[in-house]
Amino acid sequence: MISCDFNNTCPFLNKKVIDLPLTTTKLVENYCTGEFSLCTIYKVAQTHGIDKVPRYVSPDDTYELSHRVIELARLDKLGW
């Protein structure tokens, strides 16, 4: 099965999944190894780079919300 190009560096996959395994299993199935092109983290990483994805963005957040989150995080240097 095809998987996302960012699986090794994705903050969601490598941090949140470890902390919340039961609640994130379906998200991982849907976005990390399934329709990853629909993943908000993937979209933000493609546009701005994986290092610009705030740690609190989830795969199922809306893309517009992610744009807003990125702008807020730029204002808050501690957000990165």
Protein backbone atom coordinates (compact mmCIF):
# COMPACT_ATOMS: atom_id res chain seq x y z
CA MET A 1 0.00 0.00 0.00
CA ILE A 2 1.21 3.50 -0.82
CA SER A 3 2.00 5.66 2.18
CA CYS A 4 2.56 9.36 2.71
CA ASP A 5 5.95 10.87 1.87
CA PHE A 6 6.03 12.51 5.30
CA ASN A 7 5.46 9.38 7.44
CA ASN A 8 9.00 9.53 8.84
CA THR A 9 8.79 13.20 9.83
CA CYS A 10 5.09 13.83 10.46
CA PRO A 11 4.51 15.28 13.94
CA PHE A 12 1.09 13.63 14.14
CA LEU A 13 2.26 10.17 13.17
CA ASN A 14 5.43 10.24 15.25
CA LYS A 15 4.19 12.03 18.37
CA LYS A 16 0.41 12.10 18.79
CA VAL A 17 -0.17 8.52 17.67
CA ILE A 18 2.24 7.35 20.33
CA ASP A 19 0.42 9.36 23.01
CA LEU A 20 -3.13 8.50 21.87
CA PRO A 21 -3.01 5.14 20.08
CA LEU A 22 -6.67 4.19 20.43
CA THR A 23 -8.06 7.49 19.20
CA THR A 24 -5.72 7.90 16.27
CA THR A 25 -5.72 4.43 14.71
CA LYS A 26 -8.49 5.23 12.22
CA LEU A 27 -6.91 8.56 11.28
CA VAL A 28 -3.62 6.79 10.53
CA GLU A 29 -5.42 4.20 8.40
CA ASN A 30 -7.32 6.89 6.50
CA TYR A 31 -4.62 9.48 6.00
CA CYS A 32 -1.12 8.02 6.48
CA THR A 33 -1.54 4.89 4.42
CA GLY A 34 -4.77 5.67 2.61
CA GLU A 35 -5.92 8.97 1.16
CA PHE A 36 -2.94 10.95 2.43
CA SER A 37 -3.52 13.61 -0.22
CA LEU A 38 -6.62 14.61 1.79
CA CYS A 39 -4.60 14.99 5.01
CA THR A 40 -4.29 18.53 6.30
CA ILE A 41 -0.75 17.89 7.54
CA TYR A 42 0.21 16.60 4.10
CA LYS A 43 -1.29 19.66 2.39
CA VAL A 44 0.47 22.09 4.72
CA ALA A 45 3.76 20.19 4.41
CA GLN A 46 3.51 20.22 0.60
CA THR A 47 2.91 23.98 0.60
CA HIS A 48 5.07 25.21 3.48
CA GLY A 49 7.32 22.27 4.47
CA ILE A 50 6.89 19.63 7.16
CA ASP A 51 8.86 21.77 9.62
CA LYS A 52 6.14 24.45 9.40
CA VAL A 53 3.29 22.14 10.50
CA PRO A 54 2.28 23.14 14.04
CA ARG A 55 2.25 20.23 16.48
CA TYR A 56 -1.46 20.68 17.22
CA VAL A 57 -2.71 20.23 13.63
CA SER A 58 -4.45 16.92 12.97
CA PRO A 59 -4.98 15.12 9.64
CA ASP A 60 -8.69 15.86 9.60
CA ASP A 61 -8.48 19.61 10.32
CA THR A 62 -9.78 21.73 7.50
CA TYR A 63 -7.17 23.22 5.20
CA GLU A 64 -8.37 26.77 5.85
CA LEU A 65 -8.01 26.21 9.57
CA SER A 66 -4.44 25.07 8.98
CA HIS A 67 -3.63 28.27 7.11
CA ARG A 68 -4.95 30.22 10.08
CA VAL A 69 -3.04 28.05 12.54
CA ILE A 70 0.18 28.62 10.61
CA GLU A 71 -0.33 32.38 10.68
CA LEU A 72 -1.02 32.31 14.42
CA ALA A 73 2.01 30.12 15.04
CA ARG A 74 4.21 32.56 13.11
CA LEU A 75 3.07 35.27 15.48
CA ASP A 76 3.73 33.05 18.48
CA LYS A 77 7.33 31.91 18.22
CA LEU A 78 6.73 29.38 21.01
CA GLY A 79 4.09 27.68 18.82
CA TRP A 80 6.74 25.97 16.74
